[in-house]
């Protein structure tokens, strides 16, 4: 089961994939909603760009900050099992993305409560608009969410996002299509109002955003969140915009529908559109079986975006940008002790495959530095050009390269 990022998405993007017909109380009478004429005008503009048909009138409602907080809690309660939250937290900790004290559930509630300006509920087919967002921010959010609504009237987006939810890489790629297309359309809508289009290179350079990770004091929860969560929240928007741009430049208006009938299957395809066009899929990797005293607890796919964040967090942006594109496949599994439940000992089996042996060797060397920073105390053991080993407070570890593949065994009770 591919829980890495799958459970994070189930939490972070509850506004996109909802599980129940949650109903917000009526908005305060003094708060002004956009009227149907404004909403319909935006939908017509988006329909002209995409070719999607407007099939029905869209219901909408104002929502308060307290109501969005209640909404998020309600969705977590009904759509995310405690086991999934536990599995995701365990994965994030063992892979080194968060500390042992990190609380995924509460951080997610706080993030969404802070960030939401408007959202379209794919289950209820209804638009919710926050009462606290600045008018300029609300307008942009309104176009974005109406792009979701229009796509949903032509394709079943809830079903699209939930197809094969156990594959974390494919789930993220599909989420990137949904959010990236809406983000691109928001920019194209603004460009057309100025008599321009993103299909013109100078306009694309003007409108497409290079960095959506600002240190903005009005978003303190986001600014203090672990890098992995910030990157996970931003990836579908930032990478999605540039991916959508590449598909539009190649396929024109048909690009909008194509991505719902032939979606990308990995973050590698999103980050490198030529791999999407050429149908390049991640390499499937078989992991060693658990030891006799252990059983598999969590397992999942590890993709290029995961690798980018890991190397950015523990090495540098330059190392991340140089190495991550060479990843052709990745998988991990966390095993737990069958008998000693009191101490709840766990071990990590983490394998990656690379484009060539040089890339695999470079990752082997970089990953030694990752492990030295990932743990508080490391006693180095044997090492040569193809492997290294040692012991940390998590247990014994051994990392070895065989050809283009690197296998890391971490957190074992005995020497490897």
Protein backbone atom coordinates (compact mmCIF):
# COMPACT_ATOMS: atom_id res chain seq x y z
CA UNK A 1 0.00 0.00 0.00
CA UNK A 2 1.48 3.31 -1.12
CA UNK A 3 0.83 5.49 1.89
CA UNK A 4 3.67 7.95 1.53
CA UNK A 5 1.92 11.13 0.48
CA UNK A 6 -1.39 9.33 -0.09
CA UNK A 7 -2.49 10.00 3.49
CA UNK A 8 -0.94 13.47 3.41
CA UNK A 9 -3.08 14.20 0.35
CA UNK A 10 -6.15 12.73 1.98
CA UNK A 11 -5.60 15.37 4.64
CA UNK A 12 -4.13 18.31 2.78
CA UNK A 13 -6.58 18.18 -0.11
CA UNK A 14 -9.79 17.32 1.69
CA UNK A 15 -11.26 20.38 0.03
CA UNK A 16 -10.85 18.51 -3.25
CA UNK A 17 -11.91 14.98 -2.33
CA UNK A 18 -14.60 14.91 0.32
CA UNK A 19 -16.31 11.93 1.86
CA UNK A 20 -19.62 13.22 3.16
CA UNK A 21 -22.27 15.83 2.64
CA UNK A 22 -21.04 18.28 5.24
CA UNK A 23 -23.29 21.31 5.55
CA UNK A 24 -22.02 24.70 6.75
CA UNK A 25 -24.35 26.90 8.78
CA UNK A 26 -25.74 29.94 6.96
CA UNK A 27 -23.25 32.79 6.46
CA UNK A 28 -23.70 36.05 8.35
CA UNK A 29 -26.25 38.26 6.59
CA UNK A 30 -23.84 41.20 6.45
CA UNK A 31 -21.31 39.27 4.27
CA UNK A 32 -21.67 39.79 0.51
CA UNK A 33 -21.38 36.81 -1.79
CA UNK A 34 -20.45 37.19 -5.46
CA UNK A 35 -23.67 37.02 -7.44
CA UNK A 36 -24.67 34.39 -9.99
CA UNK A 37 -23.96 36.77 -12.86
CA UNK A 38 -20.31 37.16 -11.80
CA UNK A 39 -19.87 33.42 -11.36
CA UNK A 40 -21.51 32.64 -14.70
CA UNK A 41 -19.35 35.23 -16.47
CA UNK A 42 -16.20 33.56 -15.13
CA UNK A 43 -17.49 30.11 -16.11
CA UNK A 44 -18.15 31.34 -19.65
CA UNK A 45 -14.62 32.72 -19.87
CA UNK A 46 -13.15 29.42 -18.65
CA UNK A 47 -15.37 27.50 -21.06
CA UNK A 48 -14.03 29.58 -23.98
CA UNK A 49 -10.46 28.67 -22.98
CA UNK A 50 -10.97 24.94 -22.33
CA UNK A 51 -13.83 24.00 -24.63
CA UNK A 52 -15.58 22.43 -21.60
CA UNK A 53 -19.37 22.78 -21.56
CA UNK A 54 -21.22 24.54 -18.73
CA UNK A 55 -23.80 21.89 -17.82
CA UNK A 56 -25.52 23.23 -14.71
CA UNK A 57 -25.92 26.21 -12.39
CA UNK A 58 -23.36 26.14 -9.58
CA UNK A 59 -24.56 26.52 -5.96
CA UNK A 60 -22.27 28.55 -3.68
CA UNK A 61 -22.09 29.69 -0.07
CA UNK A 62 -19.98 31.89 2.21
CA UNK A 63 -18.05 30.15 4.98
CA UNK A 64 -16.34 31.43 8.14
CA UNK A 65 -12.92 30.46 9.49
CA UNK A 66 -14.58 28.51 12.30
CA UNK A 67 -16.68 26.62 9.77
CA UNK A 68 -13.70 25.65 7.61
CA UNK A 69 -11.95 24.39 10.73
CA UNK A 70 -15.00 22.27 11.55
CA UNK A 71 -15.17 21.12 7.92
CA UNK A 72 -11.58 19.88 7.92
CA UNK A 73 -12.02 18.04 11.23
CA UNK A 74 -15.20 16.44 9.92
CA UNK A 75 -13.49 15.22 6.74
CA UNK A 76 -10.56 13.80 8.69
CA UNK A 77 -12.99 11.97 10.94
CA UNK A 78 -14.96 10.45 8.07
CA UNK A 79 -12.39 9.92 5.31
CA UNK A 80 -9.04 9.18 6.96
CA UNK A 81 -8.58 6.12 9.15
CA UNK A 82 -6.41 6.48 12.27
CA UNK A 83 -4.28 3.65 10.86
CA UNK A 84 -3.53 5.73 7.75
CA UNK A 85 -2.47 8.73 9.82
CA UNK A 86 -0.24 6.47 11.93
CA UNK A 87 1.26 4.88 8.80
CA UNK A 88 1.94 8.25 7.20
CA UNK A 89 3.56 9.69 10.32
CA UNK A 90 5.70 6.55 10.67
CA UNK A 91 6.80 6.81 7.02
CA UNK A 92 7.65 10.49 7.30
CA UNK A 93 9.67 9.89 10.47
CA UNK A 94 11.59 6.82 9.28
CA UNK A 95 12.45 8.48 5.97
CA UNK A 96 13.61 11.59 7.82
CA UNK A 97 11.05 14.13 6.61
CA UNK A 98 9.71 15.04 10.08
CA UNK A 99 10.75 14.78 13.73
CA UNK A 100 9.40 12.26 16.22
CA UNK A 101 7.17 14.94 17.79
CA UNK A 102 5.41 15.89 14.57
CA UNK A 103 1.58 15.76 14.66
CA UNK A 104 0.28 15.31 11.10
CA UNK A 105 -3.41 15.58 11.92
CA UNK A 106 -3.24 18.83 13.89
CA UNK A 107 -0.74 20.46 11.53
CA UNK A 108 -3.01 19.70 8.59
CA UNK A 109 -6.06 21.18 10.31
CA UNK A 110 -4.09 24.32 11.13
CA UNK A 111 -2.69 24.59 7.58
CA UNK A 112 -6.02 24.31 5.83
CA UNK A 113 -7.74 26.65 8.24
CA UNK A 114 -5.03 29.22 7.57
CA UNK A 115 -4.81 28.78 3.80
CA UNK A 116 -8.32 28.29 2.45
CA UNK A 117 -9.77 31.31 0.62
CA UNK A 118 -12.33 29.29 -1.34
CA UNK A 119 -12.87 25.67 -2.24
CA UNK A 120 -15.04 23.55 -4.50
CA UNK A 121 -16.48 20.41 -2.91
CA UNK A 122 -16.37 17.67 -5.56
CA UNK A 123 -18.77 15.52 -3.56
CA UNK A 124 -21.48 18.13 -2.98
CA UNK A 125 -20.78 19.90 -6.31
CA UNK A 126 -20.79 23.18 -4.39
CA UNK A 127 -18.52 26.21 -4.07
CA UNK A 128 -17.57 27.60 -0.64
CA UNK A 129 -16.04 31.08 -0.34
CA UNK A 130 -14.26 32.31 2.79
CA UNK A 131 -15.39 35.52 4.43
CA UNK A 132 -11.93 36.51 5.67
CA UNK A 133 -9.86 36.50 2.48
CA UNK A 134 -8.88 39.83 0.93
CA UNK A 135 -11.02 40.75 -2.09
CA UNK A 136 -8.09 40.41 -4.53
CA UNK A 137 -7.16 37.01 -3.13
CA UNK A 138 -10.80 35.93 -3.16
CA UNK A 139 -11.17 36.82 -6.85
CA UNK A 140 -8.16 34.71 -7.82
CA UNK A 141 -9.38 31.85 -5.62
CA UNK A 142 -12.85 32.13 -7.17
CA UNK A 143 -11.52 31.68 -10.71
CA UNK A 144 -9.37 28.75 -9.55
CA UNK A 145 -12.25 26.95 -7.86
CA UNK A 146 -14.63 27.64 -10.73
CA UNK A 147 -12.08 25.98 -13.00
CA UNK A 148 -12.44 22.91 -10.76
CA UNK A 149 -16.22 23.12 -10.97
CA UNK A 150 -16.19 23.35 -14.77
CA UNK A 151 -13.81 20.40 -15.09
CA UNK A 152 -16.01 18.42 -12.72
CA UNK A 153 -19.06 19.12 -14.88
CA UNK A 154 -17.27 17.45 -17.79
CA UNK A 155 -15.28 14.75 -15.96
CA UNK A 156 -15.98 13.04 -12.63
CA UNK A 157 -13.04 14.54 -10.73
CA UNK A 158 -13.74 12.69 -7.47
CA UNK A 159 -13.54 9.37 -9.30
CA UNK A 160 -10.51 10.58 -11.28
CA UNK A 161 -8.62 11.44 -8.08
CA UNK A 162 -9.59 8.23 -6.31
CA UNK A 163 -8.50 5.84 -9.04
CA UNK A 164 -5.91 3.45 -7.59
CA UNK A 165 -5.38 5.48 -4.38
CA UNK A 166 -2.76 3.00 -3.14
CA UNK A 167 -0.25 4.24 -5.75
CA UNK A 168 1.09 7.41 -4.13
CA UNK A 169 2.97 8.58 -7.21
CA UNK A 170 -0.01 8.23 -9.53
CA UNK A 171 -2.29 9.87 -6.96
CA UNK A 172 0.04 12.87 -6.74
CA UNK A 173 0.33 13.09 -10.52
CA UNK A 174 -3.46 13.17 -10.87
CA UNK A 175 -3.76 15.76 -8.10
CA UNK A 176 -1.20 17.83 -9.99
CA UNK A 177 -3.35 17.71 -13.12
CA UNK A 178 -6.41 18.94 -11.19
CA UNK A 179 -4.67 21.75 -9.29
CA UNK A 180 -2.15 22.61 -11.99
CA UNK A 181 -4.83 22.99 -14.65
CA UNK A 182 -6.93 25.23 -12.38
CA UNK A 183 -3.86 27.33 -11.55
CA UNK A 184 -2.91 27.65 -15.22
CA UNK A 185 -6.45 28.63 -16.13
CA UNK A 186 -6.48 31.28 -13.40
CA UNK A 187 -3.41 32.86 -14.97
CA UNK A 188 -4.71 32.47 -18.53
CA UNK A 189 -8.03 34.04 -17.52
CA UNK A 190 -6.17 37.06 -16.13
CA UNK A 191 -3.91 37.24 -19.19
CA UNK A 192 -6.86 37.22 -21.59
CA UNK A 193 -8.50 40.05 -19.70
CA UNK A 194 -5.33 42.00 -20.52
CA UNK A 195 -5.50 40.96 -24.18
CA UNK A 196 -2.72 38.37 -23.84
CA UNK A 197 -2.29 34.57 -23.66
CA UNK A 198 0.15 32.21 -21.95
CA UNK A 199 0.73 30.54 -25.30
CA UNK A 200 2.81 33.61 -26.16
CA UNK A 201 6.33 33.08 -24.62
CA UNK A 202 6.78 36.65 -23.27
CA UNK A 203 3.37 36.47 -21.57
CA UNK A 204 4.20 33.05 -20.15
CA UNK A 205 7.41 34.44 -18.66
CA UNK A 206 5.42 37.31 -17.17
CA UNK A 207 2.61 35.25 -15.66
CA UNK A 208 3.98 31.79 -14.82
CA UNK A 209 5.37 31.76 -11.31
CA UNK A 210 8.81 30.39 -10.60
CA UNK A 211 8.52 30.16 -6.81
CA UNK A 212 5.35 29.69 -4.78
CA UNK A 213 7.13 29.16 -1.45
CA UNK A 214 7.24 32.64 0.11
CA UNK A 215 8.10 33.29 3.75
CA UNK A 216 4.90 35.25 4.27
CA UNK A 217 4.20 36.42 7.84
CA UNK A 218 0.45 36.19 7.23
CA UNK A 219 0.83 32.39 6.95
CA UNK A 220 2.80 31.44 10.10
CA UNK A 221 1.58 27.81 10.16
CA UNK A 222 2.75 27.24 6.59
CA UNK A 223 6.08 29.00 7.19
CA UNK A 224 6.83 26.77 10.18
CA UNK A 225 5.62 23.49 8.66
CA UNK A 226 8.19 20.80 7.73
CA UNK A 227 9.69 21.19 4.27
CA UNK A 228 7.97 18.01 3.10
CA UNK A 229 4.49 19.33 3.85
CA UNK A 230 5.22 22.73 2.29
CA UNK A 231 6.57 21.07 -0.84
CA UNK A 232 3.64 18.65 -0.95
CA UNK A 233 1.14 21.50 -0.76
CA UNK A 234 2.88 23.56 -3.43
CA UNK A 235 3.89 20.87 -5.92
CA UNK A 236 0.49 20.40 -7.62
CA UNK A 237 0.23 24.15 -8.20
CA UNK A 238 3.78 25.10 -9.15
CA UNK A 239 4.77 21.98 -11.09
CA UNK A 240 1.22 21.64 -12.38
CA UNK A 241 1.23 25.07 -14.01
CA UNK A 242 4.39 24.38 -16.00
CA UNK A 243 3.23 20.86 -16.90
CA UNK A 244 -0.11 22.19 -18.16
CA UNK A 245 1.73 24.85 -20.15
CA UNK A 246 3.82 22.20 -21.88
CA UNK A 247 0.77 20.11 -22.80
CA UNK A 248 -1.18 23.16 -24.05
CA UNK A 249 1.74 24.27 -26.23
CA UNK A 250 1.82 20.80 -27.77
CA UNK A 251 -1.90 19.92 -27.98
CA UNK A 252 -3.73 23.25 -27.87
CA UNK A 253 -7.27 23.31 -26.46
CA UNK A 254 -7.51 19.51 -26.48
CA UNK A 255 -4.84 19.43 -23.75
CA UNK A 256 -7.43 20.15 -21.05
CA UNK A 257 -9.50 17.06 -21.74
CA UNK A 258 -6.52 14.85 -22.65
CA UNK A 259 -5.08 15.11 -19.15
CA UNK A 260 -8.29 13.68 -17.68
CA UNK A 261 -8.40 10.77 -20.13
CA UNK A 262 -4.66 10.10 -20.25
CA UNK A 263 -3.18 11.38 -16.96
CA UNK A 264 0.50 11.32 -16.01
CA UNK A 265 1.48 8.39 -13.78
CA UNK A 266 4.39 9.87 -11.81
CA UNK A 267 5.94 13.08 -10.57
CA UNK A 268 8.79 12.41 -13.00
CA UNK A 269 6.36 12.73 -15.91
CA UNK A 270 5.02 15.97 -14.43
CA UNK A 271 8.47 17.46 -13.88
CA UNK A 272 9.70 16.31 -17.31
CA UNK A 273 6.76 16.55 -19.74
CA UNK A 274 8.74 14.81 -22.48
CA UNK A 275 8.61 11.66 -20.32
CA UNK A 276 4.83 12.00 -20.23
CA UNK A 277 4.67 12.44 -24.01
CA UNK A 278 6.99 9.43 -24.49
CA UNK A 279 5.15 7.25 -21.92
CA UNK A 280 8.21 6.72 -19.70
CA UNK A 281 7.02 4.97 -16.52
CA UNK A 282 8.84 4.40 -13.20
CA UNK A 283 10.83 1.19 -12.84
CA UNK A 284 9.12 -1.34 -10.56
CA UNK A 285 11.32 -2.53 -7.69
CA UNK A 286 11.02 -5.70 -5.62
CA UNK A 287 12.19 -5.38 -2.02
CA UNK A 288 13.80 -8.12 0.12
CA UNK A 289 11.29 -10.04 2.23
CA UNK A 290 10.94 -9.14 5.93
CA UNK A 291 13.09 -11.06 8.38
CA UNK A 292 11.45 -13.93 10.23
CA UNK A 293 10.85 -11.89 13.39
CA UNK A 294 9.43 -8.91 11.45
CA UNK A 295 6.29 -8.22 9.42
CA UNK A 296 5.53 -5.57 6.81
CA UNK A 297 3.68 -2.61 8.33
CA UNK A 298 3.82 0.15 5.69
CA UNK A 299 5.08 0.27 2.12
CA UNK A 300 4.93 2.68 -0.76
CA UNK A 301 6.43 4.26 -3.85
CA UNK A 302 9.20 6.87 -3.61
CA UNK A 303 9.20 9.24 -6.57
CA UNK A 304 11.24 12.08 -7.97
CA UNK A 305 9.47 14.78 -5.97
CA UNK A 306 10.11 12.80 -2.77
CA UNK A 307 13.77 12.56 -3.73
CA UNK A 308 13.97 16.27 -4.48
CA UNK A 309 12.65 17.12 -1.02
CA UNK A 310 14.88 14.59 0.75
CA UNK A 311 18.08 15.86 -0.90
CA UNK A 312 17.04 19.49 -0.54
CA UNK A 313 16.44 18.94 3.17
CA UNK A 314 19.66 17.08 3.95
CA UNK A 315 22.09 18.07 1.17
CA UNK A 316 21.42 21.18 -0.92
CA UNK A 317 19.21 22.55 -3.67
CA UNK A 318 22.06 22.02 -6.14
CA UNK A 319 22.46 18.34 -5.18
CA UNK A 320 18.69 17.88 -5.31
CA UNK A 321 18.37 19.42 -8.76
CA UNK A 322 21.39 17.53 -10.05
CA UNK A 323 20.54 14.06 -8.76
CA UNK A 324 16.76 13.69 -8.47
CA UNK A 325 16.01 13.73 -12.24
CA UNK A 326 18.16 10.58 -12.57
CA UNK A 327 15.82 8.56 -10.34
CA UNK A 328 13.98 5.95 -12.43
CA UNK A 329 12.19 4.15 -9.61
CA UNK A 330 11.91 3.98 -5.83
CA UNK A 331 10.13 1.94 -3.19
CA UNK A 332 10.24 1.62 0.58
CA UNK A 333 8.81 -0.64 3.27
CA UNK A 334 8.71 -0.35 7.04
CA UNK A 335 8.71 -3.61 8.99
CA UNK A 336 7.74 -3.98 12.65
CA UNK A 337 8.57 -6.56 15.30
CA UNK A 338 6.01 -9.38 15.36
CA UNK A 339 6.36 -10.07 19.08
CA UNK A 340 7.86 -7.14 20.98
CA UNK A 341 4.92 -4.74 20.70
CA UNK A 342 5.91 -2.88 23.85
CA UNK A 343 9.04 -1.35 22.31
CA UNK A 344 7.49 -1.34 18.82
CA UNK A 345 10.77 -1.75 16.96
CA UNK A 346 10.67 -0.83 13.26
CA UNK A 347 13.13 -1.10 10.38
CA UNK A 348 13.26 0.61 6.98
CA UNK A 349 14.00 -1.07 3.65
CA UNK A 350 14.49 1.62 1.00
CA UNK A 351 15.52 0.92 -2.62
CA UNK A 352 16.10 3.28 -5.51
CA UNK A 353 17.06 2.71 -9.14
CA UNK A 354 18.92 5.26 -11.25
CA UNK A 355 19.47 6.08 -14.91
CA UNK A 356 23.08 4.84 -14.80
CA UNK A 357 25.74 3.61 -12.40
CA UNK A 358 27.31 7.06 -12.06
CA UNK A 359 24.02 8.49 -10.82
CA UNK A 360 23.60 5.57 -8.42
CA UNK A 361 27.11 6.11 -7.07
CA UNK A 362 26.45 9.84 -6.63
CA UNK A 363 23.29 9.04 -4.67
CA UNK A 364 25.12 6.47 -2.55
CA UNK A 365 27.63 9.14 -1.57
CA UNK A 366 24.95 11.77 -0.98
CA UNK A 367 22.83 9.40 1.09
CA UNK A 368 25.68 8.79 3.50
CA UNK A 369 25.48 12.50 4.31
CA UNK A 370 21.69 12.25 4.59
CA UNK A 371 21.96 9.53 7.24
CA UNK A 372 24.57 11.45 9.22
CA UNK A 373 22.15 14.40 9.49
CA UNK A 374 18.97 12.36 9.78
CA UNK A 375 20.00 10.90 13.13
CA UNK A 376 21.47 12.57 16.21
CA UNK A 377 24.32 10.08 16.66
CA UNK A 378 26.07 7.90 14.07
CA UNK A 379 28.94 5.45 14.53
CA UNK A 380 30.39 4.74 11.10
CA UNK A 381 31.33 1.17 10.19
CA UNK A 382 32.76 -0.39 7.06
CA UNK A 383 32.75 1.45 3.76
CA UNK A 384 34.14 1.22 0.24
CA UNK A 385 33.18 2.43 -3.22
CA UNK A 386 29.94 0.39 -3.30
CA UNK A 387 28.67 0.34 0.29
CA UNK A 388 28.81 1.81 3.78
CA UNK A 389 27.42 0.72 7.15
CA UNK A 390 27.19 1.79 10.76
CA UNK A 391 24.93 2.23 13.74
CA UNK A 392 22.67 5.06 14.93
CA UNK A 393 20.19 5.48 17.77
CA UNK A 394 17.68 3.91 15.35
CA UNK A 395 19.74 0.73 15.00
CA UNK A 396 22.23 -0.80 12.58
CA UNK A 397 22.22 0.24 8.93
CA UNK A 398 23.84 -0.84 5.67
CA UNK A 399 23.60 0.89 2.29
CA UNK A 400 24.85 -0.85 -0.85
CA UNK A 401 24.94 -0.15 -4.58
CA UNK A 402 24.60 -3.03 -7.05
CA UNK A 403 24.69 -1.75 -10.61
CA UNK A 404 22.14 1.05 -10.96
CA UNK A 405 20.28 0.15 -7.76
CA UNK A 406 20.92 1.37 -4.21
CA UNK A 407 19.45 -0.57 -1.28
CA UNK A 408 19.36 0.88 2.23
CA UNK A 409 18.58 -1.26 5.28
CA UNK A 410 18.05 0.88 8.39
CA UNK A 411 17.03 0.40 12.00
CA UNK A 412 18.03 -3.26 12.53
CA UNK A 413 18.77 -4.74 15.95
CA UNK A 414 21.81 -6.69 14.79
CA UNK A 415 24.82 -5.86 12.65
CA UNK A 416 24.16 -6.19 8.93
